Amino acid sequence: MLFRVDPSSPDPLFAQLADQVRVGIVRGDLTTGTRLPSARDLASSLDINLHTVLRAYQDLRDEGLIELRRGRGAVVSEQAARGYAPLQQAVEHVVHLSRELGLSPETTTALLREALR
């Protein structure tokens, strides 16, 4: 998996990284047992602070999506293997409807955030 960060984005770098892993898991690109790059290697390749990557990994660990194992690094957990296909289909449906209605991505995201509260 190729990680990217956008320093000009209003989203913190750690959140950008964590979101990429979340999306990879939901789409099935990252499966149970998949090793993520070491925090040190990822920080070096993206030219960002090691603690930024560690924060992303800790958030993912707290959500149960990855396990942080001494000597093995960050590994996608079994809990992450839940069947996300129905959720992915629902999201695709929301995106389709949003585009049909001419809503901006920001408006759609705001509606989703409000619905999740």
PDB file of N, CA and C in Angstrom:
ATOM      1  N   MET A   1       0.846  -1.173   0.000  1.00  0.00           N
ATOM      2  CA  MET A   1       0.000   0.000   0.000  1.00  0.00           C
ATOM      3  C   MET A   1       0.895   1.241   0.000  1.00  0.00           C
ATOM      4  N   LEU A   2       0.532   2.181  -0.833  1.00  0.00           N
ATOM      5  CA  LEU A   2       1.285   3.419  -0.941  1.00  0.00           C
ATOM      6  C   LEU A   2       0.623   4.489  -0.088  1.00  0.00           C
ATOM      7  N   PHE A   3       1.377   5.064   0.822  1.00  0.00           N
ATOM      8  CA  PHE A   3       0.855   6.112   1.694  1.00  0.00           C
ATOM      9  C   PHE A   3       1.258   7.473   1.144  1.00  0.00           C
ATOM     10  N   ARG A   4       0.330   8.425   1.280  1.00  0.00           N
ATOM     11  CA  ARG A   4       0.598   9.795   0.870  1.00  0.00           C
ATOM     12  C   ARG A   4       0.045  10.729   1.934  1.00  0.00           C
ATOM     13  N   VAL A   5       0.694  11.870   2.088  1.00  0.00           N
ATOM     14  CA  VAL A   5       0.163  12.913   2.967  1.00  0.00           C
ATOM     15  C   VAL A   5       0.195  14.230   2.206  1.00  0.00           C
ATOM     16  N   ASP A   6      -0.741  15.087   2.554  1.00  0.00           N
ATOM     17  CA  ASP A   6      -0.823  16.405   1.944  1.00  0.00           C
ATOM     18  C   ASP A   6      -0.630  17.448   3.039  1.00  0.00           C
ATOM     19  N   PRO A   7       0.564  18.016   3.134  1.00  0.00           N
ATOM     20  CA  PRO A   7       0.839  19.005   4.181  1.00  0.00           C
ATOM     21  C   PRO A   7      -0.063  20.232   4.112  1.00  0.00           C
ATOM     22  N   SER A   8      -0.647  20.516   2.950  1.00  0.00           N
ATOM     23  CA  SER A   8      -1.515  21.689   2.820  1.00  0.00           C
ATOM     24  C   SER A   8      -2.967  21.391   3.208  1.00  0.00           C
ATOM     25  N   SER A   9      -3.273  20.138   3.480  1.00  0.00           N
ATOM     26  CA  SER A   9      -4.627  19.757   3.884  1.00  0.00           C
ATOM     27  C   SER A   9      -4.916  20.265   5.293  1.00  0.00           C
ATOM     28  N   PRO A  10      -6.184  20.613   5.555  1.00  0.00           N
ATOM     29  CA  PRO A  10      -6.524  21.022   6.924  1.00  0.00           C
ATOM     30  C   PRO A  10      -6.528  19.840   7.905  1.00  0.00           C
ATOM     31  N   ASP A  11      -6.553  18.617   7.367  1.00  0.00           N
ATOM     32  CA  ASP A  11      -6.540  17.428   8.222  1.00  0.00           C
ATOM     33  C   ASP A  11      -5.128  17.166   8.723  1.00  0.00           C
ATOM     34  N   PRO A  12      -4.981  16.837  10.003  1.00  0.00           N
ATOM     35  CA  PRO A  12      -3.646  16.531  10.536  1.00  0.00           C
ATOM     36  C   PRO A  12      -3.023  15.348   9.789  1.00  0.00           C
ATOM     37  N   LEU A  13      -1.720  15.330   9.717  1.00  0.00           N
ATOM     38  CA  LEU A  13      -1.022  14.268   8.991  1.00  0.00           C
ATOM     39  C   LEU A  13      -1.334  12.893   9.574  1.00  0.00           C
ATOM     40  N   PHE A  14      -1.389  12.781  10.902  1.00  0.00           N
ATOM     41  CA  PHE A  14      -1.676  11.475  11.505  1.00  0.00           C
ATOM     42  C   PHE A  14      -3.065  10.993  11.101  1.00  0.00           C
ATOM     43  N   ALA A  15      -4.029  11.910  10.992  1.00  0.00           N
ATOM     44  CA  ALA A  15      -5.392  11.539  10.595  1.00  0.00           C
ATOM     45  C   ALA A  15      -5.416  11.099   9.136  1.00  0.00           C
ATOM     46  N   GLN A  16      -4.629  11.750   8.293  1.00  0.00           N
ATOM     47  CA  GLN A  16      -4.554  11.346   6.893  1.00  0.00           C
ATOM     48  C   GLN A  16      -4.030   9.920   6.769  1.00  0.00           C
ATOM     49  N   LEU A  17      -2.995   9.596   7.532  1.00  0.00           N
ATOM     50  CA  LEU A  17      -2.437   8.248   7.499  1.00  0.00           C
ATOM     51  C   LEU A  17      -3.444   7.222   8.008  1.00  0.00           C
ATOM     52  N   ALA A  18      -4.056   7.510   9.147  1.00  0.00           N
ATOM     53  CA  ALA A  18      -5.016   6.575   9.730  1.00  0.00           C
ATOM     54  C   ALA A  18      -6.196   6.349   8.779  1.00  0.00           C
ATOM     55  N   ASP A  19      -6.662   7.409   8.132  1.00  0.00           N
ATOM     56  CA  ASP A  19      -7.777   7.273   7.191  1.00  0.00           C
ATOM     57  C   ASP A  19      -7.414   6.371   6.020  1.00  0.00           C
ATOM     58  N   GLN A  20      -6.185   6.456   5.545  1.00  0.00           N
ATOM     59  CA  GLN A  20      -5.760   5.599   4.441  1.00  0.00           C
ATOM     60  C   GLN A  20      -5.784   4.131   4.838  1.00  0.00           C
ATOM     61  N   VAL A  21      -5.388   3.838   6.069  1.00  0.00           N
ATOM     62  CA  VAL A  21      -5.431   2.458   6.544  1.00  0.00           C
ATOM     63  C   VAL A  21      -6.884   2.003   6.700  1.00  0.00           C
ATOM     64  N   ARG A  22      -7.739   2.856   7.272  1.00  0.00           N
ATOM     65  CA  ARG A  22      -9.150   2.512   7.431  1.00  0.00           C
ATOM     66  C   ARG A  22      -9.793   2.176   6.086  1.00  0.00           C
ATOM     67  N   VAL A  23      -9.541   3.024   5.108  1.00  0.00           N
ATOM     68  CA  VAL A  23     -10.108   2.800   3.773  1.00  0.00           C
ATOM     69  C   VAL A  23      -9.547   1.509   3.174  1.00  0.00           C
ATOM     70  N   GLY A  24      -8.270   1.273   3.337  1.00  0.00           N
ATOM     71  CA  GLY A  24      -7.663   0.038   2.837  1.00  0.00           C
ATOM     72  C   GLY A  24      -8.291  -1.199   3.450  1.00  0.00           C
ATOM     73  N   ILE A  25      -8.623  -1.128   4.727  1.00  0.00           N
ATOM     74  CA  ILE A  25      -9.264  -2.260   5.405  1.00  0.00           C
ATOM     75  C   ILE A  25     -10.679  -2.455   4.891  1.00  0.00           C
ATOM     76  N   VAL A  26     -11.454  -1.381   4.815  1.00  0.00           N
ATOM     77  CA  VAL A  26     -12.848  -1.480   4.375  1.00  0.00           C
ATOM     78  C   VAL A  26     -12.928  -1.979   2.938  1.00  0.00           C
ATOM     79  N   ARG A  27     -12.032  -1.525   2.091  1.00  0.00           N
ATOM     80  CA  ARG A  27     -12.043  -1.958   0.689  1.00  0.00           C
ATOM     81  C   ARG A  27     -11.505  -3.367   0.502  1.00  0.00           C
ATOM     82  N   GLY A  28     -10.851  -3.894   1.528  1.00  0.00           N
ATOM     83  CA  GLY A  28     -10.293  -5.231   1.420  1.00  0.00           C
ATOM     84  C   GLY A  28      -8.869  -5.258   0.894  1.00  0.00           C
ATOM     85  N   ASP A  29      -8.262  -4.095   0.713  1.00  0.00           N
ATOM     86  CA  ASP A  29      -6.873  -4.037   0.258  1.00  0.00           C
ATOM     87  C   ASP A  29      -5.913  -4.491   1.360  1.00  0.00           C
ATOM     88  N   LEU A  30      -6.299  -4.234   2.612  1.00  0.00           N
ATOM     89  CA  LEU A  30      -5.510  -4.658   3.774  1.00  0.00           C
ATOM     90  C   LEU A  30      -6.315  -5.715   4.512  1.00  0.00           C
ATOM     91  N   THR A  31      -5.782  -6.907   4.608  1.00  0.00           N
ATOM     92  CA  THR A  31      -6.492  -8.015   5.238  1.00  0.00           C
ATOM     93  C   THR A  31      -5.807  -8.411   6.545  1.00  0.00           C
ATOM     94  N   THR A  32      -6.483  -9.245   7.316  1.00  0.00           N
ATOM     95  CA  THR A  32      -5.947  -9.716   8.589  1.00  0.00           C
ATOM     96  C   THR A  32      -4.528 -10.246   8.402  1.00  0.00           C
ATOM     97  N   GLY A  33      -3.643  -9.790   9.266  1.00  0.00           N
ATOM     98  CA  GLY A  33      -2.262 -10.251   9.236  1.00  0.00           C
ATOM     99  C   GLY A  33      -1.338  -9.424   8.367  1.00  0.00           C
ATOM    100  N   THR A  34      -1.897  -8.503   7.587  1.00  0.00           N
ATOM    101  CA  THR A  34      -1.057  -7.648   6.747  1.00  0.00           C
ATOM    102  C   THR A  34      -0.212  -6.746   7.633  1.00  0.00           C
ATOM    103  N   ARG A  35       1.076  -6.731   7.348  1.00  0.00           N
ATOM    104  CA  ARG A  35       1.983  -5.861   8.096  1.00  0.00           C
ATOM    105  C   ARG A  35       2.021  -4.488   7.459  1.00  0.00           C
ATOM    106  N   LEU A  36       1.913  -3.496   8.293  1.00  0.00           N
ATOM    107  CA  LEU A  36       2.082  -2.117   7.838  1.00  0.00           C
ATOM    108  C   LEU A  36       3.565  -1.773   7.941  1.00  0.00           C
ATOM    109  N   PRO A  37       4.000  -0.765   7.217  1.00  0.00           N
ATOM    110  CA  PRO A  37       5.418  -0.378   7.326  1.00  0.00           C
ATOM    111  C   PRO A  37       5.751   0.018   8.762  1.00  0.00           C
ATOM    112  N   SER A  38       6.985  -0.189   9.138  1.00  0.00           N
ATOM    113  CA  SER A  38       7.378   0.247  10.475  1.00  0.00           C
ATOM    114  C   SER A  38       7.191   1.756  10.553  1.00  0.00           C
ATOM    115  N   ALA A  39       6.911   2.236  11.742  1.00  0.00           N
ATOM    116  CA  ALA A  39       6.690   3.672  11.936  1.00  0.00           C
ATOM    117  C   ALA A  39       7.906   4.462  11.478  1.00  0.00           C
ATOM    118  N   ARG A  40       9.067   3.949  11.781  1.00  0.00           N
ATOM    119  CA  ARG A  40      10.306   4.641  11.416  1.00  0.00           C
ATOM    120  C   ARG A  40      10.459   4.703   9.890  1.00  0.00           C
ATOM    121  N   ASP A  41      10.202   3.574   9.205  1.00  0.00           N
ATOM    122  CA  ASP A  41      10.336   3.546   7.748  1.00  0.00           C
ATOM    123  C   ASP A  41       9.305   4.448   7.075  1.00  0.00           C
ATOM    124  N   LEU A  42       8.071   4.407   7.578  1.00  0.00           N
ATOM    125  CA  LEU A  42       7.015   5.225   6.980  1.00  0.00           C
ATOM    126  C   LEU A  42       7.301   6.711   7.182  1.00  0.00           C
ATOM    127  N   ALA A  43       7.718   7.071   8.393  1.00  0.00           N
ATOM    128  CA  ALA A  43       8.051   8.471   8.665  1.00  0.00           C
ATOM    129  C   ALA A  43       9.176   8.938   7.755  1.00  0.00           C
ATOM    130  N   SER A  44      10.171   8.107   7.579  1.00  0.00           N
ATOM    131  CA  SER A  44      11.305   8.456   6.730  1.00  0.00           C
ATOM    132  C   SER A  44      10.876   8.606   5.277  1.00  0.00           C
ATOM    133  N   SER A  45      10.063   7.664   4.777  1.00  0.00           N
ATOM    134  CA  SER A  45       9.665   7.724   3.364  1.00  0.00           C
ATOM    135  C   SER A  45       8.757   8.910   3.062  1.00  0.00           C
ATOM    136  N   LEU A  46       7.980   9.356   4.064  1.00  0.00           N
ATOM    137  CA  LEU A  46       7.083  10.495   3.864  1.00  0.00           C
ATOM    138  C   LEU A  46       7.691  11.814   4.319  1.00  0.00           C
ATOM    139  N   ASP A  47       8.874  11.715   4.892  1.00  0.00           N
ATOM    140  CA  ASP A  47       9.576  12.888   5.414  1.00  0.00           C
ATOM    141  C   ASP A  47       8.723  13.628   6.451  1.00  0.00           C
ATOM    142  N   ILE A  48       8.198  12.839   7.407  1.00  0.00           N
ATOM    143  CA  ILE A  48       7.418  13.401   8.509  1.00  0.00           C
ATOM    144  C   ILE A  48       7.979  12.873   9.824  1.00  0.00           C
ATOM    145  N   ASN A  49       7.519  13.434  10.913  1.00  0.00           N
ATOM    146  CA  ASN A  49       7.988  13.062  12.236  1.00  0.00           C
ATOM    147  C   ASN A  49       7.527  11.657  12.609  1.00  0.00           C
ATOM    148  N   LEU A  50       8.391  10.905  13.232  1.00  0.00           N
ATOM    149  CA  LEU A  50       8.079   9.548  13.688  1.00  0.00           C
ATOM    150  C   LEU A  50       6.848   9.539  14.586  1.00  0.00           C
ATOM    151  N   HIS A  51       6.699  10.538  15.445  1.00  0.00           N
ATOM    152  CA  HIS A  51       5.576  10.580  16.378  1.00  0.00           C
ATOM    153  C   HIS A  51       4.240  10.778  15.663  1.00  0.00           C
ATOM    154  N   THR A  52       4.277  11.361  14.469  1.00  0.00           N
ATOM    155  CA  THR A  52       3.062  11.508  13.669  1.00  0.00           C
ATOM    156  C   THR A  52       2.548  10.126  13.256  1.00  0.00           C
ATOM    157  N   VAL A  53       3.446   9.278  12.788  1.00  0.00           N
ATOM    158  CA  VAL A  53       3.072   7.922  12.384  1.00  0.00           C
ATOM    159  C   VAL A  53       2.634   7.117  13.607  1.00  0.00           C
ATOM    160  N   LEU A  54       3.371   7.258  14.693  1.00  0.00           N
ATOM    161  CA  LEU A  54       3.001   6.530  15.912  1.00  0.00           C
ATOM    162  C   LEU A  54       1.611   6.928  16.392  1.00  0.00           C
ATOM    163  N   ARG A  55       1.261   8.200  16.285  1.00  0.00           N
ATOM    164  CA  ARG A  55      -0.081   8.658  16.686  1.00  0.00           C
ATOM    165  C   ARG A  55      -1.143   8.003  15.815  1.00  0.00           C
ATOM    166  N   ALA A  56      -0.916   7.926  14.515  1.00  0.00           N
ATOM    167  CA  ALA A  56      -1.865   7.266  13.611  1.00  0.00           C
ATOM    168  C   ALA A  56      -2.013   5.797  13.993  1.00  0.00           C
ATOM    169  N   TYR A  57      -0.897   5.120  14.215  1.00  0.00           N
ATOM    170  CA  TYR A  57      -0.934   3.706  14.582  1.00  0.00           C
ATOM    171  C   TYR A  57      -1.620   3.498  15.930  1.00  0.00           C
ATOM    172  N   GLN A  58      -1.385   4.382  16.878  1.00  0.00           N
ATOM    173  CA  GLN A  58      -2.036   4.251  18.188  1.00  0.00           C
ATOM    174  C   GLN A  58      -3.540   4.435  18.071  1.00  0.00           C
ATOM    175  N   ASP A  59      -3.990   5.388  17.254  1.00  0.00           N
ATOM    176  CA  ASP A  59      -5.426   5.582  17.046  1.00  0.00           C
ATOM    177  C   ASP A  59      -6.049   4.338  16.421  1.00  0.00           C
ATOM    178  N   LEU A  60      -5.373   3.769  15.442  1.00  0.00           N
ATOM    179  CA  LEU A  60      -5.881   2.554  14.792  1.00  0.00           C
ATOM    180  C   LEU A  60      -5.903   1.379  15.767  1.00  0.00           C
ATOM    181  N   ARG A  61      -4.894   1.311  16.617  1.00  0.00           N
ATOM    182  CA  ARG A  61      -4.865   0.269  17.652  1.00  0.00           C
ATOM    183  C   ARG A  61      -6.026   0.453  18.615  1.00  0.00           C
ATOM    184  N   ASP A  62      -6.277   1.678  19.040  1.00  0.00           N
ATOM    185  CA  ASP A  62      -7.367   1.953  19.974  1.00  0.00           C
ATOM    186  C   ASP A  62      -8.729   1.601  19.376  1.00  0.00           C
ATOM    187  N   GLU A  63      -8.847   1.685  18.055  1.00  0.00           N
ATOM    188  CA  GLU A  63     -10.085   1.310  17.369  1.00  0.00           C
ATOM    189  C   GLU A  63     -10.176  -0.192  17.136  1.00  0.00           C
ATOM    190  N   GLY A  64      -9.090  -0.906  17.415  1.00  0.00           N
ATOM    191  CA  GLY A  64      -9.081  -2.353  17.224  1.00  0.00           C
ATOM    192  C   GLY A  64      -8.778  -2.786  15.803  1.00  0.00           C
ATOM    193  N   LEU A  65      -8.338  -1.868  14.966  1.00  0.00           N
ATOM    194  CA  LEU A  65      -8.076  -2.206  13.569  1.00  0.00           C
ATOM    195  C   LEU A  65      -6.695  -2.802  13.337  1.00  0.00           C
ATOM    196  N   ILE A  66      -5.745  -2.423  14.178  1.00  0.00           N
ATOM    197  CA  ILE A  66      -4.412  -3.010  14.076  1.00  0.00           C
ATOM    198  C   ILE A  66      -3.945  -3.428  15.460  1.00  0.00           C
ATOM    199  N   GLU A  67      -2.955  -4.291  15.454  1.00  0.00           N
ATOM    200  CA  GLU A  67      -2.275  -4.683  16.687  1.00  0.00           C
ATOM    201  C   GLU A  67      -0.837  -4.210  16.566  1.00  0.00           C
ATOM    202  N   LEU A  68      -0.333  -3.667  17.642  1.00  0.00           N
ATOM    203  CA  LEU A  68       1.067  -3.262  17.672  1.00  0.00           C
ATOM    204  C   LEU A  68       1.818  -4.313  18.462  1.00  0.00           C
ATOM    205  N   ARG A  69       2.682  -5.044  17.772  1.00  0.00           N
ATOM    206  CA  ARG A  69       3.399  -6.145  18.405  1.00  0.00           C
ATOM    207  C   ARG A  69       4.893  -5.855  18.404  1.00  0.00           C
ATOM    208  N   ARG A  70       5.458  -6.051  19.564  1.00  0.00           N
ATOM    209  CA  ARG A  70       6.904  -5.855  19.686  1.00  0.00           C
ATOM    210  C   ARG A  70       7.611  -6.860  18.772  1.00  0.00           C
ATOM    211  N   GLY A  71       8.477  -6.345  17.940  1.00  0.00           N
ATOM    212  CA  GLY A  71       9.227  -7.210  17.031  1.00  0.00           C
ATOM    213  C   GLY A  71       8.521  -7.474  15.714  1.00  0.00           C
ATOM    214  N   ARG A  72       7.187  -7.315  15.664  1.00  0.00           N
ATOM    215  CA  ARG A  72       6.445  -7.534  14.421  1.00  0.00           C
ATOM    216  C   ARG A  72       5.887  -6.242  13.856  1.00  0.00           C
ATOM    217  N   GLY A  73       5.827  -5.217  14.670  1.00  0.00           N
ATOM    218  CA  GLY A  73       5.303  -3.939  14.206  1.00  0.00           C
ATOM    219  C   GLY A  73       3.793  -3.896  14.187  1.00  0.00           C
ATOM    220  N   ALA A  74       3.256  -3.121  13.271  1.00  0.00           N
ATOM    221  CA  ALA A  74       1.811  -2.923  13.151  1.00  0.00           C
ATOM    222  C   ALA A  74       1.239  -3.946  12.174  1.00  0.00           C
ATOM    223  N   VAL A  75       0.224  -4.688  12.665  1.00  0.00           N
ATOM    224  CA  VAL A  75      -0.387  -5.754  11.872  1.00  0.00           C
ATOM    225  C   VAL A  75      -1.896  -5.572  11.902  1.00  0.00           C
ATOM    226  N   VAL A  76      -2.544  -5.727  10.754  1.00  0.00           N
ATOM    227  CA  VAL A  76      -4.006  -5.621  10.684  1.00  0.00           C
ATOM    228  C   VAL A  76      -4.605  -6.738  11.530  1.00  0.00           C
ATOM    229  N   SER A  77      -5.524  -6.376  12.409  1.00  0.00           N
ATOM    230  CA  SER A  77      -6.097  -7.323  13.371  1.00  0.00           C
ATOM    231  C   SER A  77      -7.221  -8.148  12.763  1.00  0.00           C
ATOM    232  N   GLU A  78      -7.571  -9.217  13.471  1.00  0.00           N
ATOM    233  CA  GLU A  78      -8.698 -10.060  13.057  1.00  0.00           C
ATOM    234  C   GLU A  78     -10.000  -9.273  13.121  1.00  0.00           C
ATOM    235  N   GLN A  79     -10.119  -8.401  14.097  1.00  0.00           N
ATOM    236  CA  GLN A  79     -11.332  -7.592  14.253  1.00  0.00           C
ATOM    237  C   GLN A  79     -11.584  -6.752  13.002  1.00  0.00           C
ATOM    238  N   ALA A  80     -10.512  -6.376  12.322  1.00  0.00           N
ATOM    239  CA  ALA A  80     -10.647  -5.551  11.121  1.00  0.00           C
ATOM    240  C   ALA A  80     -11.234  -6.327   9.955  1.00  0.00           C
ATOM    241  N   ALA A  81     -11.309  -7.642  10.078  1.00  0.00           N
ATOM    242  CA  ALA A  81     -11.777  -8.483   8.973  1.00  0.00           C
ATOM    243  C   ALA A  81     -13.300  -8.600   8.908  1.00  0.00           C
ATOM    244  N   ARG A  82     -13.991  -7.840   9.739  1.00  0.00           N
ATOM    245  CA  ARG A  82     -15.451  -7.871   9.685  1.00  0.00           C
ATOM    246  C   ARG A  82     -15.924  -7.624   8.262  1.00  0.00           C
ATOM    247  N   GLY A  83     -17.094  -8.075   7.967  1.00  0.00           N
ATOM    248  CA  GLY A  83     -17.640  -7.875   6.629  1.00  0.00           C
ATOM    249  C   GLY A  83     -18.118  -6.448   6.433  1.00  0.00           C
ATOM    250  N   TYR A  84     -17.331  -5.649   5.747  1.00  0.00           N
ATOM    251  CA  TYR A  84     -17.670  -4.257   5.515  1.00  0.00           C
ATOM    252  C   TYR A  84     -18.386  -4.036   4.186  1.00  0.00           C
ATOM    253  N   ALA A  85     -18.643  -5.100   3.438  1.00  0.00           N
ATOM    254  CA  ALA A  85     -19.252  -4.946   2.114  1.00  0.00           C
ATOM    255  C   ALA A  85     -20.577  -4.184   2.165  1.00  0.00           C
ATOM    256  N   PRO A  86     -21.493  -4.499   3.098  1.00  0.00           N
ATOM    257  CA  PRO A  86     -22.746  -3.737   3.132  1.00  0.00           C
ATOM    258  C   PRO A  86     -22.530  -2.251   3.410  1.00  0.00           C
ATOM    259  N   LEU A  87     -21.585  -1.935   4.276  1.00  0.00           N
ATOM    260  CA  LEU A  87     -21.284  -0.541   4.569  1.00  0.00           C
ATOM    261  C   LEU A  87     -20.691   0.145   3.343  1.00  0.00           C
ATOM    262  N   GLN A  88     -19.783  -0.532   2.668  1.00  0.00           N
ATOM    263  CA  GLN A  88     -19.171   0.032   1.469  1.00  0.00           C
ATOM    264  C   GLN A  88     -20.245   0.315   0.414  1.00  0.00           C
ATOM    265  N   GLN A  89     -21.198  -0.597   0.256  1.00  0.00           N
ATOM    266  CA  GLN A  89     -22.282  -0.396  -0.715  1.00  0.00           C
ATOM    267  C   GLN A  89     -23.157   0.793  -0.319  1.00  0.00           C
ATOM    268  N   ALA A  90     -23.433   0.919   0.962  1.00  0.00           N
ATOM    269  CA  ALA A  90     -24.255   2.032   1.440  1.00  0.00           C
ATOM    270  C   ALA A  90     -23.543   3.366   1.202  1.00  0.00           C
ATOM    271  N   VAL A  91     -22.260   3.399   1.450  1.00  0.00           N
ATOM    272  CA  VAL A  91     -21.483   4.624   1.229  1.00  0.00           C
ATOM    273  C   VAL A  91     -21.484   4.978  -0.258  1.00  0.00           C
ATOM    274  N   GLU A  92     -21.292   3.984  -1.090  1.00  0.00           N
ATOM    275  CA  GLU A  92     -21.313   4.239  -2.537  1.00  0.00           C
ATOM    276  C   GLU A  92     -22.674   4.788  -2.969  1.00  0.00           C
ATOM    277  N   HIS A  93     -23.741   4.284  -2.362  1.00  0.00           N
ATOM    278  CA  HIS A  93     -25.090   4.771  -2.661  1.00  0.00           C
ATOM    279  C   HIS A  93     -25.233   6.235  -2.226  1.00  0.00           C
ATOM    280  N   VAL A  94     -24.753   6.561  -1.048  1.00  0.00           N
ATOM    281  CA  VAL A  94     -24.808   7.939  -0.549  1.00  0.00           C
ATOM    282  C   VAL A  94     -24.025   8.863  -1.483  1.00  0.00           C
ATOM    283  N   VAL A  95     -22.852   8.437  -1.910  1.00  0.00           N
ATOM    284  CA  VAL A  95     -22.039   9.249  -2.812  1.00  0.00           C
ATOM    285  C   VAL A  95     -22.772   9.468  -4.133  1.00  0.00           C
ATOM    286  N   HIS A  96     -23.375   8.412  -4.646  1.00  0.00           N
ATOM    287  CA  HIS A  96     -24.134   8.523  -5.900  1.00  0.00           C
ATOM    288  C   HIS A  96     -25.279   9.532  -5.756  1.00  0.00           C
ATOM    289  N   LEU A  97     -26.055   9.407  -4.677  1.00  0.00           N
ATOM    290  CA  LEU A  97     -27.161  10.343  -4.442  1.00  0.00           C
ATOM    291  C   LEU A  97     -26.659  11.774  -4.255  1.00  0.00           C
ATOM    292  N   SER A  98     -25.572  11.918  -3.542  1.00  0.00           N
ATOM    293  CA  SER A  98     -25.003  13.234  -3.304  1.00  0.00           C
ATOM    294  C   SER A  98     -24.627  13.900  -4.625  1.00  0.00           C
ATOM    295  N   ARG A  99     -24.011  13.139  -5.505  1.00  0.00           N
ATOM    296  CA  ARG A  99     -23.628  13.685  -6.812  1.00  0.00           C
ATOM    297  C   ARG A  99     -24.857  14.038  -7.643  1.00  0.00           C
ATOM    298  N   GLU A 100     -25.877  13.175  -7.593  1.00  0.00           N
ATOM    299  CA  GLU A 100     -27.117  13.458  -8.325  1.00  0.00           C
ATOM    300  C   GLU A 100     -27.755  14.762  -7.857  1.00  0.00           C
ATOM    301  N   LEU A 101     -27.672  15.026  -6.558  1.00  0.00           N
ATOM    302  CA  LEU A 101     -28.261  16.234  -5.986  1.00  0.00           C
ATOM    303  C   LEU A 101     -27.344  17.449  -6.111  1.00  0.00           C
ATOM    304  N   GLY A 102     -26.127  17.221  -6.580  1.00  0.00           N
ATOM    305  CA  GLY A 102     -25.195  18.318  -6.753  1.00  0.00           C
ATOM    306  C   GLY A 102     -24.589  18.832  -5.460  1.00  0.00           C
ATOM    307  N   LEU A 103     -24.575  17.985  -4.422  1.00  0.00           N
ATOM    308  CA  LEU A 103     -24.002  18.393  -3.142  1.00  0.00           C
ATOM    309  C   LEU A 103     -22.479  18.329  -3.194  1.00  0.00           C
ATOM    310  N   SER A 104     -21.861  19.224  -2.485  1.00  0.00           N
ATOM    311  CA  SER A 104     -20.404  19.206  -2.407  1.00  0.00           C
ATOM    312  C   SER A 104     -19.967  18.081  -1.468  1.00  0.00           C
ATOM    313  N   PRO A 105     -18.732  17.610  -1.626  1.00  0.00           N
ATOM    314  CA  PRO A 105     -18.226  16.597  -0.685  1.00  0.00           C
ATOM    315  C   PRO A 105     -18.268  17.092   0.766  1.00  0.00           C
ATOM    316  N   GLU A 106     -18.034  18.390   0.968  1.00  0.00           N
ATOM    317  CA  GLU A 106     -18.052  18.941   2.326  1.00  0.00           C
ATOM    318  C   GLU A 106     -19.453  18.849   2.937  1.00  0.00           C
ATOM    319  N   THR A 107     -20.479  19.128   2.137  1.00  0.00           N
ATOM    320  CA  THR A 107     -21.857  19.047   2.627  1.00  0.00           C
ATOM    321  C   THR A 107     -22.224  17.604   2.948  1.00  0.00           C
ATOM    322  N   THR A 108     -21.854  16.710   2.066  1.00  0.00           N
ATOM    323  CA  THR A 108     -22.136  15.290   2.286  1.00  0.00           C
ATOM    324  C   THR A 108     -21.443  14.799   3.545  1.00  0.00           C
ATOM    325  N   THR A 109     -20.188  15.175   3.713  1.00  0.00           N
ATOM    326  CA  THR A 109     -19.435  14.772   4.907  1.00  0.00           C
ATOM    327  C   THR A 109     -20.077  15.347   6.164  1.00  0.00           C
ATOM    328  N   ALA A 110     -20.502  16.610   6.099  1.00  0.00           N
ATOM    329  CA  ALA A 110     -21.155  17.221   7.255  1.00  0.00           C
ATOM    330  C   ALA A 110     -22.446  16.480   7.604  1.00  0.00           C
ATOM    331  N   LEU A 111     -23.208  16.082   6.615  1.00  0.00           N
ATOM    332  CA  LEU A 111     -24.435  15.328   6.868  1.00  0.00           C
ATOM    333  C   LEU A 111     -24.127  13.976   7.524  1.00  0.00           C
ATOM    334  N   LEU A 112     -23.094  13.311   7.036  1.00  0.00           N
ATOM    335  CA  LEU A 112     -22.711  12.029   7.610  1.00  0.00           C
ATOM    336  C   LEU A 112     -22.231  12.193   9.055  1.00  0.00           C
ATOM    337  N   ARG A 113     -21.428  13.222   9.293  1.00  0.00           N
ATOM    338  CA  ARG A 113     -20.948  13.455  10.660  1.00  0.00           C
ATOM    339  C   ARG A 113     -22.113  13.697  11.608  1.00  0.00           C
ATOM    340  N   GLU A 114     -23.077  14.478  11.175  1.00  0.00           N
ATOM    341  CA  GLU A 114     -24.229  14.777  12.019  1.00  0.00           C
ATOM    342  C   GLU A 114     -25.036  13.507  12.284  1.00  0.00           C
ATOM    343  N   ALA A 115     -25.195  12.673  11.271  1.00  0.00           N
ATOM    344  CA  ALA A 115     -25.958  11.432  11.428  1.00  0.00           C
ATOM    345  C   ALA A 115     -25.267  10.463  12.383  1.00  0.00           C
ATOM    346  N   LEU A 116     -23.952  10.534  12.454  1.00  0.00           N
ATOM    347  CA  LEU A 116     -23.197   9.616  13.323  1.00  0.00           C
ATOM    348  C   LEU A 116     -23.166  10.063  14.783  1.00  0.00           C
ATOM    349  N   ARG A 117     -23.641  11.251  15.064  1.00  0.00           N
ATOM    350  CA  ARG A 117     -23.618  11.745  16.463  1.00  0.00           C
ATOM    351  C   ARG A 117     -24.703  11.133  17.273  1.00  0.00           C
TER     352      ARG A 117
END
